[in-house]
Amino acid sequence: MVVDDHGDMLASIASVLAHEGFRVVEAVAAGRDAVAGLKTHRPDFAGVDVRLGGITGSEVAREATRPGLDTASVILTGEAPPGLVQEALDSGAGVVVRKSVPPSSLLAAIATAVHGGIYVDPAFPVPTVGKRG
């Protein structure tokens, strides 16, 4: 699943994933649609823009990790203002990366999230104390 409120970015990420052999079960622009899609499709992972209309990407990630769903979340963002990385990790997202990462880095980030790992893009400040969920 891919969630981004910018149509071009949504299409680009979905295209990269499909090209790499992933089945993109849904590509949506709104956080509430993403939450509904999580419950319907139960995807292995969700690539989620941090800033969405309605609810945030971190809120989507929190829903994704509820019992019975266990969807790995990759937070995608263009910038990481103070507190964003910690908020994303606290929500249950295992990975926070720039939208502009090369496809190979995005794929590595997805693999990290699906296997329960934590990865923060080196371009972003890393919290001094992190916790998950």
Protein backbone atom coordinates (compact mmCIF):
# COMPACT_ATOMS: atom_id res chain seq x y z
CA MET A 1 0.00 0.00 0.00
CA VAL A 2 1.17 3.51 -0.81
CA VAL A 3 -0.27 6.66 0.76
CA ASP A 4 0.61 10.17 -0.42
CA ASP A 5 -1.49 13.26 -0.97
CA HIS A 6 0.65 14.35 -3.93
CA GLY A 7 -0.62 12.51 -7.00
CA ASP A 8 2.68 12.53 -8.88
CA MET A 9 4.59 11.15 -5.89
CA LEU A 10 1.90 8.53 -5.25
CA ALA A 11 2.09 7.33 -8.85
CA SER A 12 5.89 7.39 -8.87
CA ILE A 13 6.30 5.30 -5.71
CA ALA A 14 3.60 2.83 -6.78
CA SER A 15 5.30 2.51 -10.18
CA VAL A 16 8.73 1.83 -8.65
CA LEU A 17 7.27 -0.84 -6.39
CA ALA A 18 5.31 -2.50 -9.19
CA HIS A 19 8.42 -2.46 -11.40
CA GLU A 20 10.33 -4.22 -8.63
CA GLY A 21 7.72 -6.98 -8.41
CA PHE A 22 5.60 -5.75 -5.52
CA ARG A 23 1.83 -5.99 -5.78
CA VAL A 24 0.55 -2.58 -4.75
CA VAL A 25 -2.86 -3.45 -3.29
CA GLU A 26 -3.94 0.16 -3.02
CA ALA A 27 -2.59 3.65 -3.66
CA VAL A 28 -4.54 6.35 -1.81
CA ALA A 29 -4.20 10.06 -1.08
CA ALA A 30 -5.92 10.35 2.31
CA GLY A 31 -5.07 8.93 5.70
CA ARG A 32 -8.62 7.77 6.43
CA ASP A 33 -8.70 5.88 3.13
CA ALA A 34 -5.40 4.28 4.11
CA VAL A 35 -6.80 3.07 7.43
CA ALA A 36 -9.79 1.54 5.62
CA GLY A 37 -7.42 -0.05 3.09
CA LEU A 38 -5.28 -1.52 5.85
CA LYS A 39 -8.31 -3.32 7.25
CA THR A 40 -9.48 -4.49 3.81
CA HIS A 41 -6.18 -5.58 2.26
CA ARG A 42 -3.94 -6.28 5.28
CA PRO A 43 -0.77 -5.45 3.30
CA ASP A 44 2.70 -6.52 4.40
CA PHE A 45 3.83 -2.90 4.39
CA ALA A 46 2.58 0.61 3.84
CA GLY A 47 4.68 3.45 2.48
CA VAL A 48 3.05 6.52 4.05
CA ASP A 49 3.63 10.23 3.53
CA VAL A 50 3.98 11.86 6.92
CA ARG A 51 1.77 14.84 6.05
CA LEU A 52 -1.68 13.91 4.83
CA GLY A 53 -5.03 15.60 4.86
CA GLY A 54 -7.14 14.50 7.81
CA ILE A 55 -4.94 12.16 9.82
CA THR A 56 -1.15 12.09 9.74
CA GLY A 57 1.15 9.40 8.42
CA SER A 58 2.16 8.63 12.00
CA GLU A 59 -1.49 8.02 12.87
CA VAL A 60 -1.79 5.68 9.89
CA ALA A 61 1.34 3.85 11.08
CA ARG A 62 -0.18 3.53 14.57
CA GLU A 63 -3.31 1.94 13.05
CA ALA A 64 -1.16 -0.35 10.89
CA THR A 65 0.49 -1.90 13.92
CA ARG A 66 -2.74 -2.70 15.77
CA PRO A 67 -3.20 -6.39 16.64
CA GLY A 68 -4.49 -8.33 13.68
CA LEU A 69 -3.00 -5.98 11.10
CA ASP A 70 0.73 -5.96 11.84
CA THR A 71 1.54 -3.97 8.70
CA ALA A 72 5.10 -2.66 8.61
CA SER A 73 5.18 1.10 8.03
CA VAL A 74 7.69 3.17 6.13
CA ILE A 75 7.24 6.90 6.71
CA LEU A 76 8.13 8.94 3.63
CA THR A 77 8.86 12.64 3.93
CA GLY A 78 10.60 15.49 2.21
CA GLU A 79 11.86 16.99 5.45
CA ALA A 80 12.13 16.03 9.09
CA PRO A 81 11.36 18.91 11.43
CA PRO A 82 12.31 18.44 15.09
CA GLY A 83 10.30 15.68 16.69
CA LEU A 84 9.10 14.06 13.47
CA VAL A 85 11.45 11.08 13.58
CA GLN A 86 10.65 10.34 17.22
CA GLU A 87 6.92 10.71 16.56
CA ALA A 88 7.15 8.29 13.63
CA LEU A 89 9.11 5.71 15.63
CA ASP A 90 6.74 6.08 18.59
CA SER A 91 3.80 5.40 16.27
CA GLY A 92 5.23 2.01 15.37
CA ALA A 93 6.83 2.91 12.05
CA GLY A 94 10.18 1.20 11.76
CA VAL A 95 11.57 3.33 8.98
CA VAL A 96 11.70 7.05 8.16
CA VAL A 97 13.16 7.97 4.77
CA ARG A 98 13.25 10.88 2.36
CA LYS A 99 10.89 10.68 -0.58
CA SER A 100 13.85 11.41 -2.82
CA VAL A 101 15.83 8.26 -1.96
CA PRO A 102 16.89 6.13 -4.92
CA PRO A 103 14.67 3.10 -5.60
CA SER A 104 17.34 0.72 -4.26
CA SER A 105 17.36 2.59 -0.92
CA LEU A 106 13.56 2.57 -0.76
CA LEU A 107 13.54 -1.19 -1.34
CA ALA A 108 16.15 -1.70 1.39
CA ALA A 109 14.08 0.46 3.74
CA ILE A 110 10.97 -1.62 3.03
CA ALA A 111 12.89 -4.85 3.69
CA THR A 112 14.13 -3.41 6.99
CA ALA A 113 10.59 -2.49 8.06
CA VAL A 114 9.08 -5.83 7.01
CA HIS A 115 11.73 -7.69 9.02
CA GLY A 116 11.03 -5.59 12.12
CA GLY A 117 14.11 -3.40 11.92
CA ILE A 118 14.51 0.31 12.50
CA TYR A 119 16.15 2.66 10.02
CA VAL A 120 16.29 6.45 9.95
CA ASP A 121 17.53 8.19 6.83
CA PRO A 122 21.01 9.61 7.60
CA ALA A 123 19.81 13.03 6.38
CA PHE A 124 17.49 13.27 9.39
CA PRO A 125 18.39 13.89 13.03
CA VAL A 126 18.27 10.67 15.01
CA PRO A 127 16.54 10.85 18.40
CA THR A 128 18.87 10.31 21.31
CA VAL A 129 16.46 7.87 22.91
CA GLY A 130 14.11 5.94 20.68
CA LYS A 131 11.34 3.55 21.41
CA ARG A 132 8.86 1.66 19.31
CA GLY A 133 5.11 1.44 19.80
